[in-house]
Amino acid sequence: MASVIESKKACAVNPLKMSQPLGATLAFLGLDACMPVMHGSQGCTSFGLVLLVRHFKEAIPLQTTAMNEVTSILGGYDNLEAALINIRSRAAPKVIAICSTGLTETKGDDVEGYLVTARKRKPELADTEIIYVSTPDYVGGFEDGYQHAVTAIVRTLVKPLPVNTKQITLLPGSYLSPADIDELREIIEAFGLSVIVLPDISGSLDGHIPPDWRGTTLGGTTLEQIRAAGASAYTLGVGEQTREGAQALQDIAGTPFEIFERLTGLEVNDRLLQRLAQISGQPVPAKYRRHWPWAACWWTWGPSCTAASAPPSQPPMRCYPPSR
């Protein structure tokens, strides 16, 4: 006979899906021609790789510095340098993105110092951008790793540029799917604005099959687009976890920003459309004005209903359910 065991905890969390390195890896997978690297043991990378492959159901480029007992004690410089050279020669990525793990954080590896030394010793790395973010998996969670990775991308690659008033930067939260990002891009472009999505997993983890094989990520935000983010007139962040990256963009390029904690519900979507109209100087496209009553109305089995809310400065609208 089966027995029911009641847990005394308020919630159950799978720790394998909540680590900082995994969140940072997801952010790096949204960059084009990028090779994410976990600086740690092979087991750390294998766990993350299995989870990502199972979720997205496609090949995931992810490398490791393969730390072992000896290198963990003596320091991981040799492993890191060897990994950089091998990745550079075999995959030829434009960006190598490194995140730390609990093993190397506990040891106290000075990865930023290692990278300075590696660039001096190996001039062939000069044409490859290298990003590093500290992500100990015993502190914080998935969202923290994603947040810190986006901030590291901005601080490493973005430089101030003359402002392009028709360009904005979108920082999507880690919980947005590729389809969510595609929809947001479509909304922004409907206002006549160009948008740089950072990072953009809709271009790299959408299940498309490229015409040629590459050992790196297969799409996403290009290096040129990341650098061009310094010219954006505005930054929109979706999710509180994007605030740190938006603040970094403001510090570097003076770009103002607004953070939307979520994009669920009429009120917040009205705010988004109004902000885009303000930035672009264009009215809200007819497509979205037409969709508004569909979302605003609540239906009853009676012959008619009254809208639960209405656009600003407009009275509630009268709407009718489709014929049954």
Protein backbone atom coordinates (compact mmCIF):
# COMPACT_ATOMS: atom_id res chain seq x y z
CA MET A 1 0.00 0.00 0.00
CA ALA A 2 1.36 3.42 -0.97
CA SER A 3 2.04 5.95 1.75
CA VAL A 4 1.88 9.71 1.43
CA ILE A 5 4.88 11.57 2.83
CA GLU A 6 4.25 15.20 3.69
CA SER A 7 7.20 17.57 3.47
CA LYS A 8 7.69 20.16 6.20
CA LYS A 9 9.22 22.58 3.69
CA ALA A 10 7.12 25.30 2.10
CA CYS A 11 8.42 24.48 -1.38
CA ALA A 12 10.69 22.04 -3.16
CA VAL A 13 13.46 23.31 -5.43
CA ASN A 14 15.66 21.31 -7.76
CA PRO A 15 19.10 22.81 -7.04
CA LEU A 16 20.55 21.56 -10.33
CA LYS A 17 18.29 23.96 -12.21
CA MET A 18 18.97 26.95 -9.99
CA SER A 19 22.73 27.56 -10.17
CA GLN A 20 24.37 30.82 -11.19
CA PRO A 21 26.64 29.20 -13.84
CA LEU A 22 23.59 27.78 -15.63
CA GLY A 23 21.91 31.19 -15.72
CA ALA A 24 25.08 32.82 -17.04
CA THR A 25 25.39 30.11 -19.69
CA LEU A 26 21.85 30.83 -20.92
CA ALA A 27 22.75 34.51 -21.34
CA PHE A 28 25.91 33.65 -23.27
CA LEU A 29 23.97 31.28 -25.52
CA GLY A 30 22.06 34.33 -26.74
CA LEU A 31 25.21 35.74 -28.38
CA ASP A 32 26.13 34.89 -31.97
CA ALA A 33 29.35 32.95 -32.69
CA CYS A 34 29.98 32.56 -28.95
CA MET A 35 31.49 29.69 -27.00
CA PRO A 36 30.42 29.55 -23.34
CA VAL A 37 33.00 28.01 -21.00
CA MET A 38 32.58 26.84 -17.42
CA HIS A 39 35.80 27.22 -15.46
CA GLY A 40 35.55 24.15 -13.28
CA SER A 41 35.41 20.38 -13.35
CA GLN A 42 33.95 18.36 -16.21
CA GLY A 43 31.06 17.29 -13.99
CA CYS A 44 29.87 20.87 -13.49
CA THR A 45 29.66 21.41 -17.23
CA SER A 46 28.09 18.01 -17.91
CA PHE A 47 25.19 18.68 -15.52
CA GLY A 48 24.46 22.05 -17.10
CA LEU A 49 24.80 20.65 -20.62
CA VAL A 50 22.34 17.82 -19.97
CA LEU A 51 19.72 20.18 -18.53
CA LEU A 52 20.01 22.64 -21.43
CA VAL A 53 19.88 19.92 -24.09
CA ARG A 54 16.81 18.34 -22.48
CA HIS A 55 15.03 21.67 -22.26
CA PHE A 56 15.78 23.13 -25.69
CA LYS A 57 16.08 19.76 -27.47
CA GLU A 58 19.00 20.83 -29.62
CA ALA A 59 22.79 20.77 -29.60
CA ILE A 60 24.28 23.17 -27.05
CA PRO A 61 27.86 24.45 -27.42
CA LEU A 62 29.43 24.41 -23.97
CA GLN A 63 33.07 23.83 -23.02
CA THR A 64 34.97 23.29 -19.79
CA THR A 65 38.45 23.94 -18.44
CA ALA A 66 38.39 20.40 -16.99
CA MET A 67 39.83 21.13 -13.57
CA ASN A 68 41.00 18.12 -11.55
CA GLU A 69 42.39 17.49 -8.08
CA VAL A 70 45.90 18.72 -8.89
CA THR A 71 44.95 21.85 -10.84
CA SER A 72 42.36 22.74 -8.22
CA ILE A 73 45.15 22.92 -5.65
CA LEU A 74 47.90 24.48 -7.77
CA GLY A 75 45.65 26.89 -9.69
CA GLY A 76 43.79 26.74 -12.96
CA TYR A 77 45.82 29.07 -15.18
CA ASP A 78 47.29 26.33 -17.38
CA ASN A 79 43.87 24.74 -17.91
CA LEU A 80 42.27 28.08 -18.73
CA GLU A 81 44.98 29.04 -21.21
CA ALA A 82 44.83 25.63 -22.90
CA ALA A 83 41.04 25.88 -23.17
CA LEU A 84 41.24 29.34 -24.74
CA ILE A 85 43.82 28.25 -27.32
CA ASN A 86 41.98 25.05 -28.22
CA ILE A 87 38.62 26.81 -28.58
CA ARG A 88 40.20 29.61 -30.63
CA SER A 89 41.91 27.20 -33.04
CA ARG A 90 39.08 24.66 -33.42
CA ALA A 91 35.84 26.64 -33.23
CA ALA A 92 37.09 30.16 -34.09
CA PRO A 93 34.41 31.97 -32.05
CA LYS A 94 34.13 35.73 -32.04
CA VAL A 95 33.38 35.67 -28.31
CA ILE A 96 34.56 33.30 -25.58
CA ALA A 97 32.41 33.73 -22.48
CA ILE A 98 33.72 32.28 -19.22
CA CYS A 99 31.77 31.75 -16.02
CA SER A 100 33.25 30.42 -12.80
CA THR A 101 31.91 27.53 -10.73
CA GLY A 102 31.87 26.62 -7.06
CA LEU A 103 35.16 24.71 -7.36
CA THR A 104 37.26 27.56 -8.75
CA GLU A 105 35.52 30.18 -6.61
CA THR A 106 36.31 28.20 -3.48
CA LYS A 107 39.94 27.87 -4.60
CA GLY A 108 40.04 31.61 -5.27
CA ASP A 109 41.32 31.58 -8.86
CA ASP A 110 42.13 35.09 -10.11
CA VAL A 111 40.53 34.55 -13.51
CA GLU A 112 40.70 38.20 -14.55
CA GLY A 113 44.44 38.16 -13.84
CA TYR A 114 44.76 34.88 -15.73
CA LEU A 115 43.12 36.44 -18.78
CA VAL A 116 45.50 39.42 -18.77
CA THR A 117 48.45 37.03 -18.63
CA ALA A 118 47.02 34.78 -21.34
CA ARG A 119 46.56 37.69 -23.74
CA LYS A 120 50.18 38.73 -23.21
CA ARG A 121 51.52 35.20 -23.69
CA LYS A 122 49.24 34.24 -26.59
CA PRO A 123 48.90 37.05 -29.17
CA GLU A 124 46.65 34.84 -31.32
CA LEU A 125 43.85 35.64 -28.84
CA ALA A 126 43.90 39.30 -29.85
CA ASP A 127 41.08 38.88 -32.38
CA THR A 128 38.75 37.15 -29.90
CA GLU A 129 36.64 38.96 -27.33
CA ILE A 130 36.75 37.31 -23.91
CA ILE A 131 34.07 37.91 -21.27
CA TYR A 132 34.37 36.72 -17.69
CA VAL A 133 31.72 36.67 -14.98
CA SER A 134 31.99 35.40 -11.41
CA THR A 135 29.14 32.94 -10.74
CA PRO A 136 29.71 30.76 -7.66
CA ASP A 137 26.93 28.19 -7.59
CA TYR A 138 26.70 28.26 -3.79
CA VAL A 139 25.52 31.91 -3.83
CA GLY A 140 22.42 33.30 -5.50
CA GLY A 141 20.50 31.45 -8.17
CA PHE A 142 19.74 31.10 -11.87
CA GLU A 143 18.45 34.66 -12.27
CA ASP A 144 21.51 36.10 -10.51
CA GLY A 145 23.87 34.32 -12.88
CA TYR A 146 21.89 35.54 -15.89
CA GLN A 147 21.84 39.09 -14.51
CA HIS A 148 25.58 39.19 -13.83
CA ALA A 149 26.36 37.70 -17.26
CA VAL A 150 24.33 40.36 -19.08
CA THR A 151 26.06 43.06 -17.04
CA ALA A 152 29.48 41.56 -17.85
CA ILE A 153 28.63 41.57 -21.57
CA VAL A 154 27.67 45.24 -21.40
CA ARG A 155 30.68 46.33 -19.36
CA THR A 156 33.13 44.38 -21.53
CA LEU A 157 31.89 45.19 -25.03
CA VAL A 158 29.73 48.34 -25.05
CA LYS A 159 31.31 51.75 -25.62
CA PRO A 160 29.58 55.17 -25.82
CA LEU A 161 28.53 56.19 -29.34
CA PRO A 162 26.52 59.05 -30.92
CA VAL A 163 22.84 58.49 -30.15
CA ASN A 164 20.59 56.91 -32.79
CA THR A 165 17.09 58.16 -31.94
CA LYS A 166 15.48 55.31 -33.89
CA GLN A 167 17.26 52.53 -32.02
CA ILE A 168 16.54 51.02 -28.61
CA THR A 169 18.00 48.14 -26.62
CA LEU A 170 15.81 45.38 -25.20
CA LEU A 171 17.08 43.38 -22.23
CA PRO A 172 14.84 40.30 -21.91
CA GLY A 173 14.52 38.42 -18.64
CA SER A 174 15.74 34.84 -18.33
CA TYR A 175 12.16 33.56 -18.15
CA LEU A 176 11.20 34.79 -21.63
CA SER A 177 11.05 32.12 -24.33
CA PRO A 178 12.36 32.59 -27.89
CA ALA A 179 8.77 33.16 -29.05
CA ASP A 180 8.24 35.84 -26.37
CA ILE A 181 11.31 37.70 -27.60
CA ASP A 182 10.18 37.45 -31.22
CA GLU A 183 6.81 38.96 -30.28
CA LEU A 184 8.46 41.84 -28.40
CA ARG A 185 10.71 42.55 -31.36
CA GLU A 186 7.68 42.65 -33.65
CA ILE A 187 5.89 45.11 -31.34
CA ILE A 188 8.90 47.44 -31.15
CA GLU A 189 9.54 47.36 -34.90
CA ALA A 190 5.88 48.21 -35.52
CA PHE A 191 6.69 51.68 -34.13
CA GLY A 192 9.40 52.20 -36.76
CA LEU A 193 12.21 51.50 -34.29
CA SER A 194 15.17 49.18 -34.71
CA VAL A 195 15.89 47.03 -31.68
CA ILE A 196 18.99 45.33 -30.31
CA VAL A 197 18.01 42.37 -28.13
CA LEU A 198 20.68 41.48 -25.58
CA PRO A 199 20.91 38.53 -25.24
CA ASP A 200 18.76 37.13 -28.04
CA ILE A 201 17.99 33.42 -27.60
CA SER A 202 15.24 33.72 -30.22
CA GLY A 203 17.98 33.63 -32.85
CA SER A 204 20.08 30.87 -31.32
CA LEU A 205 17.75 28.52 -29.43
CA ASP A 206 14.67 28.55 -31.65
CA GLY A 207 15.26 25.10 -33.13
CA HIS A 208 16.38 26.27 -36.59
CA ILE A 209 18.87 24.21 -38.57
CA PRO A 210 21.71 26.30 -40.07
CA PRO A 211 22.94 25.65 -43.62
CA ASP A 212 26.46 24.97 -42.38
CA TRP A 213 27.83 23.44 -39.20
CA ARG A 214 29.46 25.66 -36.62
CA GLY A 215 30.98 24.69 -33.32
CA THR A 216 29.72 27.87 -31.68
CA THR A 217 26.25 29.30 -31.07
CA LEU A 218 24.15 29.42 -34.23
CA GLY A 219 22.61 32.87 -33.94
CA GLY A 220 21.70 35.56 -31.46
CA THR A 221 23.06 39.04 -30.83
CA THR A 222 26.10 39.69 -33.00
CA LEU A 223 29.27 41.32 -31.73
CA GLU A 224 28.57 44.33 -33.93
CA GLN A 225 25.08 44.72 -32.46
CA ILE A 226 26.41 44.55 -28.91
CA ARG A 227 28.89 47.31 -29.64
CA ALA A 228 26.16 49.35 -31.34
CA ALA A 229 24.06 49.24 -28.15
CA GLY A 230 26.07 52.25 -26.99
CA ALA A 231 24.14 54.31 -29.56
CA SER A 232 20.64 53.32 -28.41
CA ALA A 233 18.29 56.11 -27.39
CA TYR A 234 16.55 54.04 -24.74
CA THR A 235 16.77 50.71 -22.90
CA LEU A 236 13.76 48.57 -22.04
CA GLY A 237 14.24 45.77 -19.51
CA VAL A 238 11.76 42.96 -18.90
CA GLY A 239 12.19 41.58 -15.39
CA GLU A 240 13.86 43.10 -12.35
CA GLN A 241 16.94 41.00 -13.09
CA THR A 242 17.68 43.29 -16.08
CA ARG A 243 18.07 46.42 -13.95
CA GLU A 244 21.78 45.87 -13.32
CA GLY A 245 22.51 45.57 -17.05
CA ALA A 246 20.36 48.60 -17.87
CA GLN A 247 22.16 50.60 -15.20
CA ALA A 248 25.50 49.55 -16.70
CA LEU A 249 24.36 50.81 -20.11
CA GLN A 250 23.36 54.11 -18.53
CA ASP A 251 26.72 54.42 -16.75
CA ILE A 252 28.67 53.73 -19.96
CA ALA A 253 26.61 55.47 -22.65
CA GLY A 254 24.14 57.61 -20.70
CA THR A 255 21.19 55.61 -22.04
CA PRO A 256 17.97 56.14 -20.03
CA PHE A 257 16.00 53.01 -19.17
CA GLU A 258 12.74 51.66 -17.86
CA ILE A 259 12.24 48.27 -16.24
CA PHE A 260 9.00 46.31 -16.61
CA GLU A 261 8.75 43.68 -13.89
CA ARG A 262 6.47 41.66 -16.14
CA LEU A 263 4.47 42.00 -19.35
CA THR A 264 1.32 40.29 -18.16
CA GLY A 265 -1.88 42.31 -17.93
CA LEU A 266 -3.40 45.36 -19.58
CA GLU A 267 -1.88 48.02 -17.35
CA VAL A 268 1.75 47.09 -17.94
CA ASN A 269 1.20 46.53 -21.68
CA ASP A 270 -0.44 49.95 -21.92
CA ARG A 271 2.68 51.38 -20.28
CA LEU A 272 4.90 49.58 -22.78
CA LEU A 273 2.96 50.82 -25.81
CA GLN A 274 2.80 54.36 -24.45
CA ARG A 275 6.56 54.35 -23.84
CA LEU A 276 7.26 53.10 -27.37
CA ALA A 277 4.95 55.77 -28.78
CA GLN A 278 6.80 58.41 -26.77
CA ILE A 279 10.24 57.19 -27.91
CA SER A 280 9.29 56.85 -31.58
CA GLY A 281 6.98 59.85 -31.84
CA GLN A 282 4.49 57.58 -33.59
CA PRO A 283 0.94 56.65 -32.52
CA VAL A 284 0.19 53.14 -31.33
CA PRO A 285 -0.28 51.02 -34.48
CA ALA A 286 -3.86 50.22 -35.44
CA LYS A 287 -3.14 46.51 -35.02
CA TYR A 288 -2.65 46.87 -31.26
CA ARG A 289 -5.45 49.40 -30.83
CA ARG A 290 -7.73 46.83 -32.46
CA HIS A 291 -6.51 44.07 -30.14
CA TRP A 292 -7.03 46.14 -27.00
CA PRO A 293 -10.82 45.60 -26.59
CA TRP A 294 -10.35 41.85 -26.96
CA ALA A 295 -8.13 41.81 -23.91
CA ALA A 296 -10.08 44.46 -22.00
CA CYS A 297 -13.50 42.83 -22.16
CA TRP A 298 -14.73 40.16 -19.81
CA TRP A 299 -17.45 37.95 -21.23
CA THR A 300 -20.68 36.71 -19.76
CA TRP A 301 -23.39 34.43 -21.10
CA GLY A 302 -25.67 37.42 -21.44
CA PRO A 303 -26.19 39.42 -24.65
CA SER A 304 -23.50 41.97 -23.83
CA CYS A 305 -20.80 42.95 -21.37
CA THR A 306 -19.03 46.05 -20.17
CA ALA A 307 -15.27 46.43 -20.50
CA ALA A 308 -13.44 45.93 -17.23
CA SER A 309 -11.09 48.77 -18.11
CA ALA A 310 -10.36 51.17 -20.95
CA PRO A 311 -7.41 53.00 -22.48
CA PRO A 312 -6.33 56.15 -20.64
CA SER A 313 -8.63 59.14 -21.16
CA GLN A 314 -11.32 56.99 -22.78
CA PRO A 315 -14.63 55.77 -21.29
CA PRO A 316 -15.26 52.05 -20.89
CA MET A 317 -16.25 50.44 -24.18
CA ARG A 318 -19.23 48.29 -24.94
CA CYS A 319 -18.38 44.95 -26.48
CA TYR A 320 -20.29 41.90 -27.57
CA PRO A 321 -19.35 38.23 -27.51
CA PRO A 322 -19.19 36.27 -30.75
CA SER A 323 -22.36 34.47 -31.76
CA ARG A 324 -22.69 31.00 -30.33
